[in-house]
């Protein structure tokens, strides 16, 4: 794992094309998202606007040369006020940044900053066949809180979704 320092900053609307580009680069693998076709910048505008730096951040991840290598978002869970302290995390890394240990730094940053945002519970929704992501989250003490068997069909193959959770003290 490279020990290169990462920088996290709040995303701006100008970052949305890069966010979409990184997201779209994961679709073909059928490992990360249930989207089957690429999404457009326009289709992600409402999602982008649902984020805010105070409680539901969307962070751009940059390397030491200020190159965007990924993004991470906290999204509201279930959309009801009683769940305000719970967020679904999404981490997406650019193709040339995957498998280099950056995920550990990103997840640690999220855990370290969650409490400052009023977050008490972090959730990850990960396909059962996405073993690298499951391993990453479990490394940080996320536990299996739910299994939804065969709820997604990717290219004719039924896939199971695992919900991992972690309480933040």
C-alpha atoms as a PDB file:
ATOM      1  CA  UNK A   1       0.000   0.000   0.000  1.00  0.00           C
ATOM      2  CA  UNK A   2       1.331   3.382  -0.908  1.00  0.00           C
ATOM      3  CA  UNK A   3       1.592   5.740   2.048  1.00  0.00           C
ATOM      4  CA  UNK A   4       0.719   8.712  -0.095  1.00  0.00           C
ATOM      5  CA  UNK A   5      -1.440  11.271   1.677  1.00  0.00           C
ATOM      6  CA  UNK A   6      -4.949  11.838   0.463  1.00  0.00           C
ATOM      7  CA  UNK A   7      -6.947  15.064   0.561  1.00  0.00           C
ATOM      8  CA  UNK A   8     -10.702  15.199   1.037  1.00  0.00           C
ATOM      9  CA  UNK A   9     -12.721  18.210  -0.057  1.00  0.00           C
ATOM     10  CA  UNK A  10     -16.392  18.947  -0.512  1.00  0.00           C
ATOM     11  CA  UNK A  11     -17.572  18.307  -4.056  1.00  0.00           C
ATOM     12  CA  UNK A  12     -18.817  21.167  -6.186  1.00  0.00           C
ATOM     13  CA  UNK A  13     -21.196  21.006  -9.114  1.00  0.00           C
ATOM     14  CA  UNK A  14     -18.136  21.243 -11.373  1.00  0.00           C
ATOM     15  CA  UNK A  15     -17.031  17.858  -9.958  1.00  0.00           C
ATOM     16  CA  UNK A  16     -20.219  16.091 -11.035  1.00  0.00           C
ATOM     17  CA  UNK A  17     -18.906  15.012 -14.470  1.00  0.00           C
ATOM     18  CA  UNK A  18     -15.867  13.388 -12.790  1.00  0.00           C
ATOM     19  CA  UNK A  19     -18.087  11.754 -10.173  1.00  0.00           C
ATOM     20  CA  UNK A  20     -20.249  10.288 -12.946  1.00  0.00           C
ATOM     21  CA  UNK A  21     -17.186   9.195 -14.942  1.00  0.00           C
ATOM     22  CA  UNK A  22     -15.772   7.281 -11.949  1.00  0.00           C
ATOM     23  CA  UNK A  23     -19.174   5.788 -11.148  1.00  0.00           C
ATOM     24  CA  UNK A  24     -19.728   4.697 -14.741  1.00  0.00           C
ATOM     25  CA  UNK A  25     -16.311   3.021 -14.787  1.00  0.00           C
ATOM     26  CA  UNK A  26     -17.600   0.521 -12.188  1.00  0.00           C
ATOM     27  CA  UNK A  27     -20.771  -0.575 -13.985  1.00  0.00           C
ATOM     28  CA  UNK A  28     -19.250  -3.105 -16.394  1.00  0.00           C
ATOM     29  CA  UNK A  29     -17.689  -5.164 -13.593  1.00  0.00           C
ATOM     30  CA  UNK A  30     -21.127  -5.952 -12.114  1.00  0.00           C
ATOM     31  CA  UNK A  31     -19.415  -5.902  -8.695  1.00  0.00           C
ATOM     32  CA  UNK A  32     -20.265  -2.502  -7.261  1.00  0.00           C
ATOM     33  CA  UNK A  33     -23.561  -1.115  -8.489  1.00  0.00           C
ATOM     34  CA  UNK A  34     -26.914  -2.426  -9.631  1.00  0.00           C
ATOM     35  CA  UNK A  35     -26.976   0.033 -12.521  1.00  0.00           C
ATOM     36  CA  UNK A  36     -26.731  -1.847 -15.797  1.00  0.00           C
ATOM     37  CA  UNK A  37     -26.045   1.089 -18.108  1.00  0.00           C
ATOM     38  CA  UNK A  38     -24.048   4.273 -17.718  1.00  0.00           C
ATOM     39  CA  UNK A  39     -25.755   7.196 -16.012  1.00  0.00           C
ATOM     40  CA  UNK A  40     -25.707  10.795 -17.211  1.00  0.00           C
ATOM     41  CA  UNK A  41     -24.591  13.894 -15.356  1.00  0.00           C
ATOM     42  CA  UNK A  42     -28.141  15.235 -15.653  1.00  0.00           C
ATOM     43  CA  UNK A  43     -29.599  12.105 -14.076  1.00  0.00           C
ATOM     44  CA  UNK A  44     -27.367  12.582 -11.030  1.00  0.00           C
ATOM     45  CA  UNK A  45     -28.221  16.239 -10.345  1.00  0.00           C
ATOM     46  CA  UNK A  46     -30.969  15.513  -7.789  1.00  0.00           C
ATOM     47  CA  UNK A  47     -28.698  13.013  -5.991  1.00  0.00           C
ATOM     48  CA  UNK A  48     -25.888  15.598  -5.943  1.00  0.00           C
ATOM     49  CA  UNK A  49     -28.210  18.243  -4.484  1.00  0.00           C
ATOM     50  CA  UNK A  50     -29.245  15.888  -1.668  1.00  0.00           C
ATOM     51  CA  UNK A  51     -25.733  16.187  -0.225  1.00  0.00           C
ATOM     52  CA  UNK A  52     -24.425  18.946   2.022  1.00  0.00           C
ATOM     53  CA  UNK A  53     -21.160  19.466   3.916  1.00  0.00           C
ATOM     54  CA  UNK A  54     -22.879  19.675   7.323  1.00  0.00           C
ATOM     55  CA  UNK A  55     -24.665  16.312   7.481  1.00  0.00           C
ATOM     56  CA  UNK A  56     -24.533  14.450   4.137  1.00  0.00           C
ATOM     57  CA  UNK A  57     -21.146  15.138   2.587  1.00  0.00           C
ATOM     58  CA  UNK A  58     -19.990  14.256  -0.875  1.00  0.00           C
ATOM     59  CA  UNK A  59     -16.212  14.324  -0.725  1.00  0.00           C
ATOM     60  CA  UNK A  60     -13.773  14.307  -3.585  1.00  0.00           C
ATOM     61  CA  UNK A  61     -10.599  12.334  -2.883  1.00  0.00           C
ATOM     62  CA  UNK A  62      -7.361  13.745  -4.294  1.00  0.00           C
ATOM     63  CA  UNK A  63      -3.782  12.509  -4.316  1.00  0.00           C
ATOM     64  CA  UNK A  64      -0.721  14.649  -3.538  1.00  0.00           C
ATOM     65  CA  UNK A  65      -0.738  16.022  -7.089  1.00  0.00           C
ATOM     66  CA  UNK A  66      -4.370  17.173  -6.656  1.00  0.00           C
ATOM     67  CA  UNK A  67      -5.621  14.518  -9.083  1.00  0.00           C
ATOM     68  CA  UNK A  68      -9.122  13.271  -8.283  1.00  0.00           C
ATOM     69  CA  UNK A  69      -8.796   9.560  -7.573  1.00  0.00           C
ATOM     70  CA  UNK A  70     -12.273   8.917  -6.184  1.00  0.00           C
ATOM     71  CA  UNK A  71     -15.224  10.131  -4.188  1.00  0.00           C
ATOM     72  CA  UNK A  72     -17.232   9.152  -1.148  1.00  0.00           C
ATOM     73  CA  UNK A  73     -20.764  10.068  -0.171  1.00  0.00           C
ATOM     74  CA  UNK A  74     -22.982   9.862   2.882  1.00  0.00           C
ATOM     75  CA  UNK A  75     -26.607   9.427   1.863  1.00  0.00           C
ATOM     76  CA  UNK A  76     -29.689   9.469   4.048  1.00  0.00           C
ATOM     77  CA  UNK A  77     -31.020   6.070   4.998  1.00  0.00           C
ATOM     78  CA  UNK A  78     -34.713   5.453   4.398  1.00  0.00           C
ATOM     79  CA  UNK A  79     -35.591   9.158   4.259  1.00  0.00           C
ATOM     80  CA  UNK A  80     -37.376   9.424   7.596  1.00  0.00           C
ATOM     81  CA  UNK A  81     -36.359  11.856  10.393  1.00  0.00           C
ATOM     82  CA  UNK A  82     -35.869   9.128  12.991  1.00  0.00           C
ATOM     83  CA  UNK A  83     -33.002   7.788  10.848  1.00  0.00           C
ATOM     84  CA  UNK A  84     -31.099  11.100  10.629  1.00  0.00           C
ATOM     85  CA  UNK A  85     -28.149   9.618  12.546  1.00  0.00           C
ATOM     86  CA  UNK A  86     -27.773   6.782  10.032  1.00  0.00           C
ATOM     87  CA  UNK A  87     -26.124   7.069   6.624  1.00  0.00           C
ATOM     88  CA  UNK A  88     -25.343   4.806   3.729  1.00  0.00           C
ATOM     89  CA  UNK A  89     -21.739   5.225   2.631  1.00  0.00           C
ATOM     90  CA  UNK A  90     -20.633   4.876  -0.969  1.00  0.00           C
ATOM     91  CA  UNK A  91     -16.967   4.794  -1.947  1.00  0.00           C
ATOM     92  CA  UNK A  92     -15.923   4.897  -5.594  1.00  0.00           C
ATOM     93  CA  UNK A  93     -12.315   4.942  -6.756  1.00  0.00           C
ATOM     94  CA  UNK A  94     -11.033   5.667 -10.259  1.00  0.00           C
ATOM     95  CA  UNK A  95      -9.871   2.626 -12.217  1.00  0.00           C
ATOM     96  CA  UNK A  96      -6.155   3.301 -11.762  1.00  0.00           C
ATOM     97  CA  UNK A  97      -6.587   3.861  -8.003  1.00  0.00           C
ATOM     98  CA  UNK A  98      -8.290   0.583  -7.141  1.00  0.00           C
ATOM     99  CA  UNK A  99      -6.474  -2.141  -5.256  1.00  0.00           C
ATOM    100  CA  UNK A 100      -3.782   0.196  -3.922  1.00  0.00           C
ATOM    101  CA  UNK A 101      -4.921   0.455  -0.318  1.00  0.00           C
ATOM    102  CA  UNK A 102      -6.656   3.807  -0.686  1.00  0.00           C
ATOM    103  CA  UNK A 103      -9.941   2.283   0.455  1.00  0.00           C
ATOM    104  CA  UNK A 104      -8.562   1.832   3.967  1.00  0.00           C
ATOM    105  CA  UNK A 105      -7.604   5.495   4.175  1.00  0.00           C
ATOM    106  CA  UNK A 106     -10.979   6.569   2.821  1.00  0.00           C
ATOM    107  CA  UNK A 107     -12.970   4.371   5.173  1.00  0.00           C
ATOM    108  CA  UNK A 108     -10.871   5.493   8.150  1.00  0.00           C
ATOM    109  CA  UNK A 109     -11.505   9.127   7.202  1.00  0.00           C
ATOM    110  CA  UNK A 110     -15.246   8.457   7.063  1.00  0.00           C
ATOM    111  CA  UNK A 111     -15.253   6.761  10.459  1.00  0.00           C
ATOM    112  CA  UNK A 112     -13.143   9.548  11.981  1.00  0.00           C
ATOM    113  CA  UNK A 113     -15.443  12.291  10.673  1.00  0.00           C
ATOM    114  CA  UNK A 114     -18.876  10.681  11.005  1.00  0.00           C
ATOM    115  CA  UNK A 115     -19.464  11.859  14.576  1.00  0.00           C
ATOM    116  CA  UNK A 116     -18.745  15.484  13.640  1.00  0.00           C
ATOM    117  CA  UNK A 117     -21.625  15.238  11.166  1.00  0.00           C
ATOM    118  CA  UNK A 118     -24.106  13.867  13.688  1.00  0.00           C
ATOM    119  CA  UNK A 119     -23.781  10.346  12.284  1.00  0.00           C
ATOM    120  CA  UNK A 120     -24.077   7.517  14.770  1.00  0.00           C
ATOM    121  CA  UNK A 121     -24.461   4.601  12.375  1.00  0.00           C
ATOM    122  CA  UNK A 122     -22.639   3.877   9.114  1.00  0.00           C
ATOM    123  CA  UNK A 123     -24.069   1.402   6.622  1.00  0.00           C
ATOM    124  CA  UNK A 124     -22.584  -0.197   3.560  1.00  0.00           C
ATOM    125  CA  UNK A 125     -24.663  -2.019   0.953  1.00  0.00           C
ATOM    126  CA  UNK A 126     -22.313  -4.474  -0.766  1.00  0.00           C
ATOM    127  CA  UNK A 127     -22.902  -7.362  -3.130  1.00  0.00           C
ATOM    128  CA  UNK A 128     -21.908 -10.717  -1.640  1.00  0.00           C
ATOM    129  CA  UNK A 129     -19.627 -11.415  -4.616  1.00  0.00           C
ATOM    130  CA  UNK A 130     -17.722  -8.144  -4.030  1.00  0.00           C
ATOM    131  CA  UNK A 131     -15.232  -9.791  -1.696  1.00  0.00           C
ATOM    132  CA  UNK A 132     -12.658  -6.942  -1.687  1.00  0.00           C
ATOM    133  CA  UNK A 133     -15.233  -4.431  -0.419  1.00  0.00           C
ATOM    134  CA  UNK A 134     -16.647  -6.848   2.155  1.00  0.00           C
ATOM    135  CA  UNK A 135     -13.123  -7.526   3.416  1.00  0.00           C
ATOM    136  CA  UNK A 136     -12.390  -3.787   3.634  1.00  0.00           C
ATOM    137  CA  UNK A 137     -15.498  -2.963   5.656  1.00  0.00           C
ATOM    138  CA  UNK A 138     -15.110  -5.967   7.954  1.00  0.00           C
ATOM    139  CA  UNK A 139     -11.466  -4.943   8.587  1.00  0.00           C
ATOM    140  CA  UNK A 140     -12.858  -1.782  10.207  1.00  0.00           C
ATOM    141  CA  UNK A 141     -15.318  -3.657  12.400  1.00  0.00           C
ATOM    142  CA  UNK A 142     -18.403  -3.434  10.235  1.00  0.00           C
ATOM    143  CA  UNK A 143     -20.699  -6.345  10.963  1.00  0.00           C
ATOM    144  CA  UNK A 144     -23.213  -8.139   8.781  1.00  0.00           C
ATOM    145  CA  UNK A 145     -26.560  -6.658   9.765  1.00  0.00           C
ATOM    146  CA  UNK A 146     -28.624  -8.029   6.933  1.00  0.00           C
ATOM    147  CA  UNK A 147     -28.561 -10.308   3.935  1.00  0.00           C
ATOM    148  CA  UNK A 148     -30.990  -9.880   1.067  1.00  0.00           C
ATOM    149  CA  UNK A 149     -30.648 -13.092  -0.945  1.00  0.00           C
ATOM    150  CA  UNK A 150     -30.791 -12.874  -4.725  1.00  0.00           C
ATOM    151  CA  UNK A 151     -32.430  -9.430  -4.786  1.00  0.00           C
ATOM    152  CA  UNK A 152     -30.507  -8.197  -7.828  1.00  0.00           C
ATOM    153  CA  UNK A 153     -30.200  -9.717 -11.280  1.00  0.00           C
ATOM    154  CA  UNK A 154     -27.018  -8.757 -13.115  1.00  0.00           C
ATOM    155  CA  UNK A 155     -26.754 -10.148 -16.636  1.00  0.00           C
ATOM    156  CA  UNK A 156     -29.146 -12.956 -15.760  1.00  0.00           C
ATOM    157  CA  UNK A 157     -27.312 -13.880 -12.539  1.00  0.00           C
ATOM    158  CA  UNK A 158     -29.101 -13.390  -9.239  1.00  0.00           C
ATOM    159  CA  UNK A 159     -26.947 -11.571  -6.708  1.00  0.00           C
ATOM    160  CA  UNK A 160     -27.184 -11.237  -2.932  1.00  0.00           C
ATOM    161  CA  UNK A 161     -26.855  -7.889  -1.165  1.00  0.00           C
ATOM    162  CA  UNK A 162     -25.181  -7.689   2.243  1.00  0.00           C
ATOM    163  CA  UNK A 163     -25.895  -4.790   4.593  1.00  0.00           C
ATOM    164  CA  UNK A 164     -22.937  -4.041   6.842  1.00  0.00           C
ATOM    165  CA  UNK A 165     -23.201  -1.684   9.786  1.00  0.00           C
ATOM    166  CA  UNK A 166     -21.031   0.011  12.357  1.00  0.00           C
ATOM    167  CA  UNK A 167     -21.981   2.175  15.316  1.00  0.00           C
ATOM    168  CA  UNK A 168     -19.829   5.251  15.829  1.00  0.00           C
ATOM    169  CA  UNK A 169     -19.043   6.225  19.418  1.00  0.00           C
END
